[in-house]
Amino acid sequence: MKTFEDISVRVFPVKITDMRTGDHSNDSIAITKTKLQAAQQVGMSSWELIDKEYARQGFRVDCVGKAQKITIIVDLMDACTARGR
């Protein structure tokens, strides 16, 4: 029985500003391909989605770079076992 799941992820480099302190920093955010597609279905761009995610934490997005495509392979049995510990 297959217990592995492939998850397509896009990792975006971002430049952000902390709205509380005014500090600028570099960060990155990983978003599943499925979440990006759902955002596109309602007319939201990847930039808008990323901006919304950071705004919830008190940051302003200054720049979003080109996404890197990554596939994460998760062993579901290991994940279930680890959670039960």
C-alpha atoms as a PDB file:
ATOM      1  CA  MET A   1       0.000   0.000   0.000  1.00  0.00           C
ATOM      2  CA  LYS A   2       1.335   3.424  -0.981  1.00  0.00           C
ATOM      3  CA  THR A   3       1.851   5.618   2.048  1.00  0.00           C
ATOM      4  CA  PHE A   4       3.700   8.453   0.317  1.00  0.00           C
ATOM      5  CA  GLU A   5       2.163  11.717  -0.864  1.00  0.00           C
ATOM      6  CA  ASP A   6       3.807  14.168  -3.272  1.00  0.00           C
ATOM      7  CA  ILE A   7       3.097  17.820  -2.497  1.00  0.00           C
ATOM      8  CA  SER A   8       3.983  20.447  -5.103  1.00  0.00           C
ATOM      9  CA  VAL A   9       5.235  23.618  -3.438  1.00  0.00           C
ATOM     10  CA  ARG A  10       6.417  26.991  -4.688  1.00  0.00           C
ATOM     11  CA  VAL A  11       8.985  28.801  -2.529  1.00  0.00           C
ATOM     12  CA  PHE A  12       9.063  32.564  -3.054  1.00  0.00           C
ATOM     13  CA  PRO A  13      11.893  34.801  -1.827  1.00  0.00           C
ATOM     14  CA  VAL A  14      10.414  37.995  -0.368  1.00  0.00           C
ATOM     15  CA  LYS A  15      11.618  41.308   1.012  1.00  0.00           C
ATOM     16  CA  ILE A  16       9.449  42.478   3.884  1.00  0.00           C
ATOM     17  CA  THR A  17       9.108  45.375   6.303  1.00  0.00           C
ATOM     18  CA  ASP A  18       8.007  44.869   9.913  1.00  0.00           C
ATOM     19  CA  MET A  19       5.246  47.440  10.331  1.00  0.00           C
ATOM     20  CA  ARG A  20       5.799  47.597  14.115  1.00  0.00           C
ATOM     21  CA  THR A  21       9.519  48.408  13.998  1.00  0.00           C
ATOM     22  CA  GLY A  22      10.168  49.510  10.413  1.00  0.00           C
ATOM     23  CA  ASP A  23      12.928  46.873  10.081  1.00  0.00           C
ATOM     24  CA  HIS A  24      13.539  45.452   6.594  1.00  0.00           C
ATOM     25  CA  SER A  25      14.474  41.791   6.065  1.00  0.00           C
ATOM     26  CA  ASN A  26      14.630  38.975   3.547  1.00  0.00           C
ATOM     27  CA  ASP A  27      12.409  35.955   4.015  1.00  0.00           C
ATOM     28  CA  SER A  28      10.850  33.155   2.032  1.00  0.00           C
ATOM     29  CA  ILE A  29       7.397  31.637   1.983  1.00  0.00           C
ATOM     30  CA  ALA A  30       6.326  28.185   0.799  1.00  0.00           C
ATOM     31  CA  ILE A  31       2.867  27.870  -0.714  1.00  0.00           C
ATOM     32  CA  THR A  32       1.331  24.723  -2.122  1.00  0.00           C
ATOM     33  CA  LYS A  33       0.509  24.668  -5.811  1.00  0.00           C
ATOM     34  CA  THR A  34      -3.083  23.825  -4.871  1.00  0.00           C
ATOM     35  CA  LYS A  35      -3.396  26.979  -2.736  1.00  0.00           C
ATOM     36  CA  LEU A  36      -1.952  29.112  -5.542  1.00  0.00           C
ATOM     37  CA  GLN A  37      -4.432  27.610  -8.021  1.00  0.00           C
ATOM     38  CA  ALA A  38      -7.335  28.251  -5.642  1.00  0.00           C
ATOM     39  CA  ALA A  39      -6.256  31.898  -5.283  1.00  0.00           C
ATOM     40  CA  GLN A  40      -6.116  32.242  -9.067  1.00  0.00           C
ATOM     41  CA  GLN A  41      -9.662  30.858  -9.333  1.00  0.00           C
ATOM     42  CA  VAL A  42     -10.926  33.853  -7.323  1.00  0.00           C
ATOM     43  CA  GLY A  43      -8.788  36.333  -9.256  1.00  0.00           C
ATOM     44  CA  MET A  44      -5.992  36.696  -6.707  1.00  0.00           C
ATOM     45  CA  SER A  45      -2.386  36.871  -7.877  1.00  0.00           C
ATOM     46  CA  SER A  46       0.464  35.120  -6.090  1.00  0.00           C
ATOM     47  CA  TRP A  47       1.687  38.550  -4.923  1.00  0.00           C
ATOM     48  CA  GLU A  48      -1.719  39.317  -3.389  1.00  0.00           C
ATOM     49  CA  LEU A  49      -1.823  35.940  -1.649  1.00  0.00           C
ATOM     50  CA  ILE A  50       1.676  36.406  -0.237  1.00  0.00           C
ATOM     51  CA  ASP A  51       0.892  39.993   0.821  1.00  0.00           C
ATOM     52  CA  LYS A  52      -2.235  38.801   2.645  1.00  0.00           C
ATOM     53  CA  GLU A  53      -0.299  36.074   4.496  1.00  0.00           C
ATOM     54  CA  TYR A  54       2.375  38.515   5.695  1.00  0.00           C
ATOM     55  CA  ALA A  55      -0.124  41.268   6.546  1.00  0.00           C
ATOM     56  CA  ARG A  56      -1.745  38.922   9.068  1.00  0.00           C
ATOM     57  CA  GLN A  57       1.582  38.844  10.916  1.00  0.00           C
ATOM     58  CA  GLY A  58       2.175  42.603  10.773  1.00  0.00           C
ATOM     59  CA  PHE A  59       4.517  42.755   7.770  1.00  0.00           C
ATOM     60  CA  ARG A  60       4.387  44.625   4.465  1.00  0.00           C
ATOM     61  CA  VAL A  61       5.716  42.861   1.375  1.00  0.00           C
ATOM     62  CA  ASP A  62       8.128  45.079  -0.570  1.00  0.00           C
ATOM     63  CA  CYS A  63       9.238  42.618  -3.256  1.00  0.00           C
ATOM     64  CA  VAL A  64       8.448  39.053  -4.335  1.00  0.00           C
ATOM     65  CA  GLY A  65      11.037  37.101  -6.310  1.00  0.00           C
ATOM     66  CA  LYS A  66      10.704  34.241  -8.775  1.00  0.00           C
ATOM     67  CA  ALA A  67       9.341  31.046  -7.247  1.00  0.00           C
ATOM     68  CA  GLN A  68      11.384  27.883  -6.968  1.00  0.00           C
ATOM     69  CA  LYS A  69       9.412  24.703  -7.698  1.00  0.00           C
ATOM     70  CA  ILE A  70       9.836  21.950  -5.120  1.00  0.00           C
ATOM     71  CA  THR A  71       8.134  18.604  -4.613  1.00  0.00           C
ATOM     72  CA  ILE A  72       7.904  17.416  -1.027  1.00  0.00           C
ATOM     73  CA  ILE A  73       7.430  13.693  -0.478  1.00  0.00           C
ATOM     74  CA  VAL A  74       5.706  12.861   2.794  1.00  0.00           C
ATOM     75  CA  ASP A  75       5.562   9.361   4.255  1.00  0.00           C
ATOM     76  CA  LEU A  76       2.058   9.390   5.730  1.00  0.00           C
ATOM     77  CA  MET A  77       2.713   6.458   8.054  1.00  0.00           C
ATOM     78  CA  ASP A  78       5.775   8.188   9.520  1.00  0.00           C
ATOM     79  CA  ALA A  79       3.773  11.381   9.962  1.00  0.00           C
ATOM     80  CA  CYS A  80       0.985   9.514  11.762  1.00  0.00           C
ATOM     81  CA  THR A  81       3.450   7.650  13.955  1.00  0.00           C
ATOM     82  CA  ALA A  82       5.325  10.844  14.868  1.00  0.00           C
ATOM     83  CA  ARG A  83       2.059  12.599  15.753  1.00  0.00           C
ATOM     84  CA  GLY A  84       1.042   9.766  18.071  1.00  0.00           C
ATOM     85  CA  ARG A  85       4.200  10.018  20.177  1.00  0.00           C
END
